Amino acid sequence: MSDADYQELFLTCGSWQEAQAIVDVLLEKRLIACAEFIEIKSKYHWQGKLEEANEIKLIMGTIADKFDYIEAEVAKLHSYETFVLQALPVTRLSKAAEAWLTKEIK
């Protein structure tokens, strides 16, 4: 692997439109190389109540040193008072995918 620390980021959004808007900005700024959109149903505690919602889960490919920039962009666009942006390290990556991801992220 190269010197970059590759990550997969996870972010839950309240709608397709919100997810698309966030991804468009992150791609345009070349902070992520790709994003996958998954429809999910969530249950969670919020302000003392048990809530349930239909949401969109984003999975995005990036490198570790972009996390703070991504978090700042998400904060400008996300509708949730408290959004959860999670990063998981990628421990192995195929050589072609590594080359592509490195090329796409600035």
PDB file of N, CA and C in Angstrom:
ATOM      1  N   MET A   1       0.843  -1.184   0.000  1.00  0.00           N
ATOM      2  CA  MET A   1       0.000   0.000   0.000  1.00  0.00           C
ATOM      3  C   MET A   1       0.885   1.243   0.000  1.00  0.00           C
ATOM      4  N   SER A   2       0.359   2.329  -0.506  1.00  0.00           N
ATOM      5  CA  SER A   2       1.110   3.586  -0.544  1.00  0.00           C
ATOM      6  C   SER A   2       1.111   4.234   0.836  1.00  0.00           C
ATOM      7  N   ASP A   3       1.625   5.461   0.909  1.00  0.00           N
ATOM      8  CA  ASP A   3       1.682   6.179   2.182  1.00  0.00           C
ATOM      9  C   ASP A   3       0.308   6.611   2.677  1.00  0.00           C
ATOM     10  N   ALA A   4      -0.687   6.660   1.792  1.00  0.00           N
ATOM     11  CA  ALA A   4      -2.034   7.086   2.178  1.00  0.00           C
ATOM     12  C   ALA A   4      -2.701   6.015   3.038  1.00  0.00           C
ATOM     13  N   ASP A   5      -3.479   6.461   4.008  1.00  0.00           N
ATOM     14  CA  ASP A   5      -4.288   5.552   4.822  1.00  0.00           C
ATOM     15  C   ASP A   5      -5.701   5.598   4.262  1.00  0.00           C
ATOM     16  N   TYR A   6      -6.098   4.539   3.590  1.00  0.00           N
ATOM     17  CA  TYR A   6      -7.413   4.505   2.950  1.00  0.00           C
ATOM     18  C   TYR A   6      -8.484   4.218   3.988  1.00  0.00           C
ATOM     19  N   GLN A   7      -9.659   4.825   3.771  1.00  0.00           N
ATOM     20  CA  GLN A   7     -10.772   4.662   4.697  1.00  0.00           C
ATOM     21  C   GLN A   7     -12.079   4.518   3.931  1.00  0.00           C
ATOM     22  N   GLU A   8     -13.008   3.858   4.577  1.00  0.00           N
ATOM     23  CA  GLU A   8     -14.404   3.909   4.160  1.00  0.00           C
ATOM     24  C   GLU A   8     -15.133   4.724   5.201  1.00  0.00           C
ATOM     25  N   LEU A   9     -15.875   5.727   4.727  1.00  0.00           N
ATOM     26  CA  LEU A   9     -16.673   6.569   5.614  1.00  0.00           C
ATOM     27  C   LEU A   9     -18.131   6.156   5.507  1.00  0.00           C
ATOM     28  N   PHE A  10     -18.816   6.227   6.628  1.00  0.00           N
ATOM     29  CA  PHE A  10     -20.240   5.924   6.691  1.00  0.00           C
ATOM     30  C   PHE A  10     -20.973   7.153   7.207  1.00  0.00           C
ATOM     31  N   LEU A  11     -22.068   7.504   6.534  1.00  0.00           N
ATOM     32  CA  LEU A  11     -22.870   8.655   6.921  1.00  0.00           C
ATOM     33  C   LEU A  11     -24.325   8.358   6.612  1.00  0.00           C
ATOM     34  N   THR A  12     -25.200   8.588   7.573  1.00  0.00           N
ATOM     35  CA  THR A  12     -26.628   8.401   7.376  1.00  0.00           C
ATOM     36  C   THR A  12     -27.269   9.748   7.088  1.00  0.00           C
ATOM     37  N   CYS A  13     -28.122   9.777   6.064  1.00  0.00           N
ATOM     38  CA  CYS A  13     -28.800  11.005   5.642  1.00  0.00           C
ATOM     39  C   CYS A  13     -30.311  10.809   5.694  1.00  0.00           C
ATOM     40  N   GLY A  14     -31.025  11.913   5.826  1.00  0.00           N
ATOM     41  CA  GLY A  14     -32.472  11.871   5.970  1.00  0.00           C
ATOM     42  C   GLY A  14     -33.244  11.677   4.679  1.00  0.00           C
ATOM     43  N   SER A  15     -32.597  11.889   3.531  1.00  0.00           N
ATOM     44  CA  SER A  15     -33.306  11.749   2.250  1.00  0.00           C
ATOM     45  C   SER A  15     -32.307  11.500   1.129  1.00  0.00           C
ATOM     46  N   TRP A  16     -32.850  11.032  -0.017  1.00  0.00           N
ATOM     47  CA  TRP A  16     -32.025  10.853  -1.212  1.00  0.00           C
ATOM     48  C   TRP A  16     -31.435  12.189  -1.644  1.00  0.00           C
ATOM     49  N   GLN A  17     -32.239  13.242  -1.575  1.00  0.00           N
ATOM     50  CA  GLN A  17     -31.787  14.559  -2.028  1.00  0.00           C
ATOM     51  C   GLN A  17     -30.608  15.050  -1.185  1.00  0.00           C
ATOM     52  N   GLU A  18     -30.721  14.889   0.126  1.00  0.00           N
ATOM     53  CA  GLU A  18     -29.641  15.310   1.005  1.00  0.00           C
ATOM     54  C   GLU A  18     -28.377  14.488   0.736  1.00  0.00           C
ATOM     55  N   ALA A  19     -28.523  13.186   0.623  1.00  0.00           N
ATOM     56  CA  ALA A  19     -27.376  12.314   0.353  1.00  0.00           C
ATOM     57  C   ALA A  19     -26.703  12.705  -0.957  1.00  0.00           C
ATOM     58  N   GLN A  20     -27.501  12.934  -1.996  1.00  0.00           N
ATOM     59  CA  GLN A  20     -26.968  13.308  -3.302  1.00  0.00           C
ATOM     60  C   GLN A  20     -26.232  14.650  -3.232  1.00  0.00           C
ATOM     61  N   ALA A  21     -26.805  15.619  -2.542  1.00  0.00           N
ATOM     62  CA  ALA A  21     -26.177  16.942  -2.422  1.00  0.00           C
ATOM     63  C   ALA A  21     -24.826  16.841  -1.714  1.00  0.00           C
ATOM     64  N   ILE A  22     -24.765  16.061  -0.654  1.00  0.00           N
ATOM     65  CA  ILE A  22     -23.509  15.891   0.085  1.00  0.00           C
ATOM     66  C   ILE A  22     -22.464  15.210  -0.785  1.00  0.00           C
ATOM     67  N   VAL A  23     -22.851  14.129  -1.447  1.00  0.00           N
ATOM     68  CA  VAL A  23     -21.920  13.398  -2.308  1.00  0.00           C
ATOM     69  C   VAL A  23     -21.430  14.280  -3.449  1.00  0.00           C
ATOM     70  N   ASP A  24     -22.330  15.042  -4.062  1.00  0.00           N
ATOM     71  CA  ASP A  24     -21.933  15.911  -5.173  1.00  0.00           C
ATOM     72  C   ASP A  24     -20.845  16.891  -4.752  1.00  0.00           C
ATOM     73  N   VAL A  25     -20.994  17.506  -3.580  1.00  0.00           N
ATOM     74  CA  VAL A  25     -19.993  18.460  -3.099  1.00  0.00           C
ATOM     75  C   VAL A  25     -18.676  17.754  -2.805  1.00  0.00           C
ATOM     76  N   LEU A  26     -18.733  16.615  -2.126  1.00  0.00           N
ATOM     77  CA  LEU A  26     -17.508  15.899  -1.770  1.00  0.00           C
ATOM     78  C   LEU A  26     -16.766  15.403  -3.001  1.00  0.00           C
ATOM     79  N   LEU A  27     -17.513  14.953  -4.023  1.00  0.00           N
ATOM     80  CA  LEU A  27     -16.875  14.532  -5.270  1.00  0.00           C
ATOM     81  C   LEU A  27     -16.290  15.732  -6.012  1.00  0.00           C
ATOM     82  N   GLU A  28     -17.050  16.806  -6.079  1.00  0.00           N
ATOM     83  CA  GLU A  28     -16.589  18.008  -6.772  1.00  0.00           C
ATOM     84  C   GLU A  28     -15.292  18.539  -6.162  1.00  0.00           C
ATOM     85  N   LYS A  29     -15.203  18.481  -4.829  1.00  0.00           N
ATOM     86  CA  LYS A  29     -14.004  18.963  -4.134  1.00  0.00           C
ATOM     87  C   LYS A  29     -12.918  17.891  -4.073  1.00  0.00           C
ATOM     88  N   ARG A  30     -13.199  16.729  -4.647  1.00  0.00           N
ATOM     89  CA  ARG A  30     -12.275  15.594  -4.724  1.00  0.00           C
ATOM     90  C   ARG A  30     -11.801  15.142  -3.341  1.00  0.00           C
ATOM     91  N   LEU A  31     -12.740  15.174  -2.387  1.00  0.00           N
ATOM     92  CA  LEU A  31     -12.469  14.692  -1.036  1.00  0.00           C
ATOM     93  C   LEU A  31     -12.769  13.205  -0.913  1.00  0.00           C
ATOM     94  N   ILE A  32     -13.617  12.696  -1.784  1.00  0.00           N
ATOM     95  CA  ILE A  32     -13.918  11.263  -1.863  1.00  0.00           C
ATOM     96  C   ILE A  32     -13.749  10.833  -3.316  1.00  0.00           C
ATOM     97  N   ALA A  33     -13.526   9.542  -3.513  1.00  0.00           N
ATOM     98  CA  ALA A  33     -13.391   9.006  -4.868  1.00  0.00           C
ATOM     99  C   ALA A  33     -14.701   8.407  -5.358  1.00  0.00           C
ATOM    100  N   CYS A  34     -15.531   7.954  -4.427  1.00  0.00           N
ATOM    101  CA  CYS A  34     -16.781   7.296  -4.810  1.00  0.00           C
ATOM    102  C   CYS A  34     -17.731   7.274  -3.625  1.00  0.00           C
ATOM    103  N   ALA A  35     -18.998   6.992  -3.931  1.00  0.00           N
ATOM    104  CA  ALA A  35     -20.010   6.859  -2.877  1.00  0.00           C
ATOM    105  C   ALA A  35     -21.039   5.828  -3.300  1.00  0.00           C
ATOM    106  N   GLU A  36     -21.503   5.082  -2.348  1.00  0.00           N
ATOM    107  CA  GLU A  36     -22.583   4.117  -2.545  1.00  0.00           C
ATOM    108  C   GLU A  36     -23.750   4.554  -1.673  1.00  0.00           C
ATOM    109  N   PHE A  37     -24.950   4.417  -2.208  1.00  0.00           N
ATOM    110  CA  PHE A  37     -26.181   4.822  -1.525  1.00  0.00           C
ATOM    111  C   PHE A  37     -26.987   3.565  -1.202  1.00  0.00           C
ATOM    112  N   ILE A  38     -27.392   3.422   0.058  1.00  0.00           N
ATOM    113  CA  ILE A  38     -28.169   2.257   0.470  1.00  0.00           C
ATOM    114  C   ILE A  38     -29.381   2.731   1.268  1.00  0.00           C
ATOM    115  N   GLU A  39     -30.571   2.267   0.884  1.00  0.00           N
ATOM    116  CA  GLU A  39     -31.777   2.573   1.671  1.00  0.00           C
ATOM    117  C   GLU A  39     -31.765   1.720   2.932  1.00  0.00           C
ATOM    118  N   ILE A  40     -32.029   2.369   4.071  1.00  0.00           N
ATOM    119  CA  ILE A  40     -32.047   1.650   5.347  1.00  0.00           C
ATOM    120  C   ILE A  40     -33.241   2.096   6.187  1.00  0.00           C
ATOM    121  N   LYS A  41     -33.576   1.294   7.161  1.00  0.00           N
ATOM    122  CA  LYS A  41     -34.552   1.665   8.188  1.00  0.00           C
ATOM    123  C   LYS A  41     -33.774   1.689   9.494  1.00  0.00           C
ATOM    124  N   SER A  42     -33.874   2.796  10.229  1.00  0.00           N
ATOM    125  CA  SER A  42     -33.126   2.976  11.469  1.00  0.00           C
ATOM    126  C   SER A  42     -34.055   3.091  12.670  1.00  0.00           C
ATOM    127  N   LYS A  43     -33.580   2.601  13.799  1.00  0.00           N
ATOM    128  CA  LYS A  43     -34.239   2.807  15.092  1.00  0.00           C
ATOM    129  C   LYS A  43     -33.164   3.315  16.036  1.00  0.00           C
ATOM    130  N   TYR A  44     -33.508   4.345  16.821  1.00  0.00           N
ATOM    131  CA  TYR A  44     -32.504   4.963  17.672  1.00  0.00           C
ATOM    132  C   TYR A  44     -33.179   5.779  18.768  1.00  0.00           C
ATOM    133  N   HIS A  45     -32.419   6.048  19.816  1.00  0.00           N
ATOM    134  CA  HIS A  45     -32.874   6.934  20.881  1.00  0.00           C
ATOM    135  C   HIS A  45     -32.540   8.360  20.488  1.00  0.00           C
ATOM    136  N   TRP A  46     -33.501   9.265  20.610  1.00  0.00           N
ATOM    137  CA  TRP A  46     -33.246  10.675  20.337  1.00  0.00           C
ATOM    138  C   TRP A  46     -34.102  11.523  21.262  1.00  0.00           C
ATOM    139  N   GLN A  47     -33.453  12.345  22.052  1.00  0.00           N
ATOM    140  CA  GLN A  47     -34.101  13.261  22.978  1.00  0.00           C
ATOM    141  C   GLN A  47     -35.143  12.556  23.857  1.00  0.00           C
ATOM    142  N   GLY A  48     -34.728  11.429  24.406  1.00  0.00           N
ATOM    143  CA  GLY A  48     -35.548  10.705  25.363  1.00  0.00           C
ATOM    144  C   GLY A  48     -36.630   9.819  24.772  1.00  0.00           C
ATOM    145  N   LYS A  49     -36.687   9.724  23.444  1.00  0.00           N
ATOM    146  CA  LYS A  49     -37.709   8.884  22.812  1.00  0.00           C
ATOM    147  C   LYS A  49     -37.056   7.890  21.863  1.00  0.00           C
ATOM    148  N   LEU A  50     -37.738   6.783  21.643  1.00  0.00           N
ATOM    149  CA  LEU A  50     -37.302   5.803  20.652  1.00  0.00           C
ATOM    150  C   LEU A  50     -37.883   6.220  19.306  1.00  0.00           C
ATOM    151  N   GLU A  51     -37.010   6.450  18.341  1.00  0.00           N
ATOM    152  CA  GLU A  51     -37.416   6.925  17.014  1.00  0.00           C
ATOM    153  C   GLU A  51     -37.179   5.836  15.967  1.00  0.00           C
ATOM    154  N   GLU A  52     -37.860   5.987  14.851  1.00  0.00           N
ATOM    155  CA  GLU A  52     -37.704   5.086  13.705  1.00  0.00           C
ATOM    156  C   GLU A  52     -37.764   5.947  12.447  1.00  0.00           C
ATOM    157  N   ALA A  53     -36.887   5.659  11.472  1.00  0.00           N
ATOM    158  CA  ALA A  53     -36.856   6.485  10.266  1.00  0.00           C
ATOM    159  C   ALA A  53     -36.352   5.690   9.071  1.00  0.00           C
ATOM    160  N   ASN A  54     -36.818   6.076   7.898  1.00  0.00           N
ATOM    161  CA  ASN A  54     -36.243   5.599   6.642  1.00  0.00           C
ATOM    162  C   ASN A  54     -35.136   6.578   6.282  1.00  0.00           C
ATOM    163  N   GLU A  55     -33.943   6.051   6.023  1.00  0.00           N
ATOM    164  CA  GLU A  55     -32.792   6.910   5.768  1.00  0.00           C
ATOM    165  C   GLU A  55     -31.960   6.345   4.613  1.00  0.00           C
ATOM    166  N   ILE A  56     -30.965   7.122   4.230  1.00  0.00           N
ATOM    167  CA  ILE A  56     -30.006   6.699   3.217  1.00  0.00           C
ATOM    168  C   ILE A  56     -28.643   6.606   3.883  1.00  0.00           C
ATOM    169  N   LYS A  57     -28.000   5.456   3.752  1.00  0.00           N
ATOM    170  CA  LYS A  57     -26.642   5.261   4.287  1.00  0.00           C
ATOM    171  C   LYS A  57     -25.662   5.449   3.135  1.00  0.00           C
ATOM    172  N   LEU A  58     -24.711   6.345   3.329  1.00  0.00           N
ATOM    173  CA  LEU A  58     -23.637   6.543   2.363  1.00  0.00           C
ATOM    174  C   LEU A  58     -22.402   5.782   2.818  1.00  0.00           C
ATOM    175  N   ILE A  59     -21.754   5.131   1.874  1.00  0.00           N
ATOM    176  CA  ILE A  59     -20.440   4.530   2.082  1.00  0.00           C
ATOM    177  C   ILE A  59     -19.525   5.205   1.069  1.00  0.00           C
ATOM    178  N   MET A  60     -18.469   5.832   1.565  1.00  0.00           N
ATOM    179  CA  MET A  60     -17.620   6.650   0.698  1.00  0.00           C
ATOM    180  C   MET A  60     -16.155   6.264   0.848  1.00  0.00           C
ATOM    181  N   GLY A  61     -15.436   6.225  -0.262  1.00  0.00           N
ATOM    182  CA  GLY A  61     -14.018   5.900  -0.258  1.00  0.00           C
ATOM    183  C   GLY A  61     -13.170   7.157  -0.236  1.00  0.00           C
ATOM    184  N   THR A  62     -12.188   7.191   0.668  1.00  0.00           N
ATOM    185  CA  THR A  62     -11.328   8.368   0.799  1.00  0.00           C
ATOM    186  C   THR A  62     -10.008   7.978   1.447  1.00  0.00           C
ATOM    187  N   ILE A  63      -9.225   8.990   1.816  1.00  0.00           N
ATOM    188  CA  ILE A  63      -7.998   8.794   2.575  1.00  0.00           C
ATOM    189  C   ILE A  63      -8.118   9.541   3.907  1.00  0.00           C
ATOM    190  N   ALA A  64      -7.402   9.057   4.900  1.00  0.00           N
ATOM    191  CA  ALA A  64      -7.579   9.522   6.282  1.00  0.00           C
ATOM    192  C   ALA A  64      -7.383  11.017   6.463  1.00  0.00           C
ATOM    193  N   ASP A  65      -6.430  11.611   5.766  1.00  0.00           N
ATOM    194  CA  ASP A  65      -6.171  13.026   6.028  1.00  0.00           C
ATOM    195  C   ASP A  65      -7.254  13.959   5.480  1.00  0.00           C
ATOM    196  N   LYS A  66      -8.277  13.413   4.836  1.00  0.00           N
ATOM    197  CA  LYS A  66      -9.393  14.219   4.331  1.00  0.00           C
ATOM    198  C   LYS A  66     -10.584  14.262   5.297  1.00  0.00           C
ATOM    199  N   PHE A  67     -10.524  13.484   6.393  1.00  0.00           N
ATOM    200  CA  PHE A  67     -11.686  13.363   7.285  1.00  0.00           C
ATOM    201  C   PHE A  67     -12.177  14.720   7.793  1.00  0.00           C
ATOM    202  N   ASP A  68     -11.286  15.555   8.306  1.00  0.00           N
ATOM    203  CA  ASP A  68     -11.700  16.841   8.877  1.00  0.00           C
ATOM    204  C   ASP A  68     -12.345  17.739   7.823  1.00  0.00           C
ATOM    205  N   TYR A  69     -11.811  17.730   6.607  1.00  0.00           N
ATOM    206  CA  TYR A  69     -12.400  18.518   5.514  1.00  0.00           C
ATOM    207  C   TYR A  69     -13.791  17.993   5.159  1.00  0.00           C
ATOM    208  N   ILE A  70     -13.924  16.682   5.120  1.00  0.00           N
ATOM    209  CA  ILE A  70     -15.219  16.064   4.808  1.00  0.00           C
ATOM    210  C   ILE A  70     -16.225  16.397   5.899  1.00  0.00           C
ATOM    211  N   GLU A  71     -15.818  16.268   7.149  1.00  0.00           N
ATOM    212  CA  GLU A  71     -16.716  16.588   8.262  1.00  0.00           C
ATOM    213  C   GLU A  71     -17.197  18.043   8.180  1.00  0.00           C
ATOM    214  N   ALA A  72     -16.316  18.958   7.844  1.00  0.00           N
ATOM    215  CA  ALA A  72     -16.687  20.367   7.725  1.00  0.00           C
ATOM    216  C   ALA A  72     -17.698  20.590   6.598  1.00  0.00           C
ATOM    217  N   GLU A  73     -17.514  19.923   5.474  1.00  0.00           N
ATOM    218  CA  GLU A  73     -18.452  20.057   4.353  1.00  0.00           C
ATOM    219  C   GLU A  73     -19.810  19.446   4.707  1.00  0.00           C
ATOM    220  N   VAL A  74     -19.785  18.293   5.353  1.00  0.00           N
ATOM    221  CA  VAL A  74     -21.039  17.636   5.763  1.00  0.00           C
ATOM    222  C   VAL A  74     -21.793  18.540   6.736  1.00  0.00           C
ATOM    223  N   ALA A  75     -21.098  19.178   7.652  1.00  0.00           N
ATOM    224  CA  ALA A  75     -21.739  20.055   8.632  1.00  0.00           C
ATOM    225  C   ALA A  75     -22.491  21.205   7.964  1.00  0.00           C
ATOM    226  N   LYS A  76     -22.003  21.674   6.832  1.00  0.00           N
ATOM    227  CA  LYS A  76     -22.670  22.757   6.107  1.00  0.00           C
ATOM    228  C   LYS A  76     -23.967  22.301   5.441  1.00  0.00           C
ATOM    229  N   LEU A  77     -24.059  21.017   5.103  1.00  0.00           N
ATOM    230  CA  LEU A  77     -25.144  20.521   4.250  1.00  0.00           C
ATOM    231  C   LEU A  77     -26.144  19.603   4.946  1.00  0.00           C
ATOM    232  N   HIS A  78     -25.743  19.002   6.044  1.00  0.00           N
ATOM    233  CA  HIS A  78     -26.573  17.964   6.671  1.00  0.00           C
ATOM    234  C   HIS A  78     -27.716  18.573   7.480  1.00  0.00           C
ATOM    235  N   SER A  79     -28.874  17.940   7.418  1.00  0.00           N
ATOM    236  CA  SER A  79     -30.062  18.449   8.114  1.00  0.00           C
ATOM    237  C   SER A  79     -30.134  18.018   9.585  1.00  0.00           C
ATOM    238  N   TYR A  80     -29.380  17.004   9.962  1.00  0.00           N
ATOM    239  CA  TYR A  80     -29.470  16.500  11.331  1.00  0.00           C
ATOM    240  C   TYR A  80     -28.708  17.402  12.302  1.00  0.00           C
ATOM    241  N   GLU A  81     -29.293  17.602  13.462  1.00  0.00           N
ATOM    242  CA  GLU A  81     -28.624  18.353  14.527  1.00  0.00           C
ATOM    243  C   GLU A  81     -27.327  17.650  14.920  1.00  0.00           C
ATOM    244  N   THR A  82     -27.383  16.318  14.985  1.00  0.00           N
ATOM    245  CA  THR A  82     -26.213  15.504  15.302  1.00  0.00           C
ATOM    246  C   THR A  82     -26.080  14.424  14.237  1.00  0.00           C
ATOM    247  N   PHE A  83     -25.216  14.645  13.264  1.00  0.00           N
ATOM    248  CA  PHE A  83     -24.981  13.595  12.261  1.00  0.00           C
ATOM    249  C   PHE A  83     -23.814  12.739  12.741  1.00  0.00           C
ATOM    250  N   VAL A  84     -23.769  11.515  12.255  1.00  0.00           N
ATOM    251  CA  VAL A  84     -22.699  10.596  12.624  1.00  0.00           C
ATOM    252  C   VAL A  84     -21.897  10.276  11.366  1.00  0.00           C
ATOM    253  N   LEU A  85     -20.664  10.723  11.341  1.00  0.00           N
ATOM    254  CA  LEU A  85     -19.727  10.410  10.269  1.00  0.00           C
ATOM    255  C   LEU A  85     -18.686   9.486  10.878  1.00  0.00           C
ATOM    256  N   GLN A  86     -18.620   8.260  10.366  1.00  0.00           N
ATOM    257  CA  GLN A  86     -17.715   7.257  10.914  1.00  0.00           C
ATOM    258  C   GLN A  86     -16.679   6.870   9.865  1.00  0.00           C
ATOM    259  N   ALA A  87     -15.460   6.616  10.316  1.00  0.00           N
ATOM    260  CA  ALA A  87     -14.389   6.178   9.425  1.00  0.00           C
ATOM    261  C   ALA A  87     -13.879   4.812   9.873  1.00  0.00           C
ATOM    262  N   LEU A  88     -13.762   3.917   8.913  1.00  0.00           N
ATOM    263  CA  LEU A  88     -13.159   2.612   9.163  1.00  0.00           C
ATOM    264  C   LEU A  88     -11.932   2.479   8.275  1.00  0.00           C
ATOM    265  N   PRO A  89     -10.822   2.016   8.835  1.00  0.00           N
ATOM    266  CA  PRO A  89      -9.620   1.855   8.019  1.00  0.00           C
ATOM    267  C   PRO A  89      -9.785   0.710   7.016  1.00  0.00           C
ATOM    268  N   VAL A  90      -9.204   0.896   5.860  1.00  0.00           N
ATOM    269  CA  VAL A  90      -9.141  -0.163   4.849  1.00  0.00           C
ATOM    270  C   VAL A  90      -7.765  -0.793   5.006  1.00  0.00           C
ATOM    271  N   THR A  91      -7.725  -2.052   5.395  1.00  0.00           N
ATOM    272  CA  THR A  91      -6.445  -2.693   5.680  1.00  0.00           C
ATOM    273  C   THR A  91      -5.777  -3.263   4.434  1.00  0.00           C
ATOM    274  N   ARG A  92      -6.557  -3.584   3.411  1.00  0.00           N
ATOM    275  CA  ARG A  92      -5.999  -4.070   2.144  1.00  0.00           C
ATOM    276  C   ARG A  92      -6.824  -3.512   1.012  1.00  0.00           C
ATOM    277  N   LEU A  93      -6.167  -3.272  -0.106  1.00  0.00           N
ATOM    278  CA  LEU A  93      -6.825  -2.700  -1.275  1.00  0.00           C
ATOM    279  C   LEU A  93      -6.120  -3.234  -2.514  1.00  0.00           C
ATOM    280  N   SER A  94      -6.891  -3.626  -3.508  1.00  0.00           N
ATOM    281  CA  SER A  94      -6.273  -4.114  -4.741  1.00  0.00           C
ATOM    282  C   SER A  94      -5.439  -2.996  -5.366  1.00  0.00           C
ATOM    283  N   LYS A  95      -4.393  -3.372  -6.082  1.00  0.00           N
ATOM    284  CA  LYS A  95      -3.464  -2.387  -6.640  1.00  0.00           C
ATOM    285  C   LYS A  95      -4.150  -1.416  -7.594  1.00  0.00           C
ATOM    286  N   ALA A  96      -5.034  -1.920  -8.441  1.00  0.00           N
ATOM    287  CA  ALA A  96      -5.737  -1.044  -9.392  1.00  0.00           C
ATOM    288  C   ALA A  96      -6.658  -0.072  -8.660  1.00  0.00           C
ATOM    289  N   ALA A  97      -7.357  -0.550  -7.636  1.00  0.00           N
ATOM    290  CA  ALA A  97      -8.250   0.317  -6.857  1.00  0.00           C
ATOM    291  C   ALA A  97      -7.440   1.363  -6.099  1.00  0.00           C
ATOM    292  N   GLU A  98      -6.302   0.967  -5.560  1.00  0.00           N
ATOM    293  CA  GLU A  98      -5.436   1.910  -4.847  1.00  0.00           C
ATOM    294  C   GLU A  98      -4.962   3.021  -5.784  1.00  0.00           C
ATOM    295  N   ALA A  99      -4.549   2.663  -6.967  1.00  0.00           N
ATOM    296  CA  ALA A  99      -4.075   3.654  -7.937  1.00  0.00           C
ATOM    297  C   ALA A  99      -5.202   4.610  -8.322  1.00  0.00           C
ATOM    298  N   TRP A 100      -6.399   4.066  -8.559  1.00  0.00           N
ATOM    299  CA  TRP A 100      -7.550   4.885  -8.931  1.00  0.00           C
ATOM    300  C   TRP A 100      -7.940   5.831  -7.804  1.00  0.00           C
ATOM    301  N   LEU A 101      -8.062   5.299  -6.588  1.00  0.00           N
ATOM    302  CA  LEU A 101      -8.470   6.110  -5.445  1.00  0.00           C
ATOM    303  C   LEU A 101      -7.466   7.242  -5.190  1.00  0.00           C
ATOM    304  N   THR A 102      -6.182   6.919  -5.244  1.00  0.00           N
ATOM    305  CA  THR A 102      -5.139   7.916  -5.038  1.00  0.00           C
ATOM    306  C   THR A 102      -5.201   9.007  -6.093  1.00  0.00           C
ATOM    307  N   LYS A 103      -5.466   8.623  -7.331  1.00  0.00           N
ATOM    308  CA  LYS A 103      -5.542   9.581  -8.430  1.00  0.00           C
ATOM    309  C   LYS A 103      -6.745  10.512  -8.287  1.00  0.00           C
ATOM    310  N   GLU A 104      -7.862   9.999  -7.797  1.00  0.00           N
ATOM    311  CA  GLU A 104      -9.113  10.759  -7.752  1.00  0.00           C
ATOM    312  C   GLU A 104      -9.215  11.736  -6.588  1.00  0.00           C
ATOM    313  N   ILE A 105      -8.500  11.488  -5.514  1.00  0.00           N
ATOM    314  CA  ILE A 105      -8.593  12.346  -4.326  1.00  0.00           C
ATOM    315  C   ILE A 105      -7.434  13.330  -4.332  1.00  0.00           C
ATOM    316  N   LYS A 106      -7.767  14.597  -4.163  1.00  0.00           N
ATOM    317  CA  LYS A 106      -6.742  15.665  -4.189  1.00  0.00           C
ATOM    318  C   LYS A 106      -6.480  16.178  -2.793  1.00  0.00           C
TER     319      LYS A 106
END
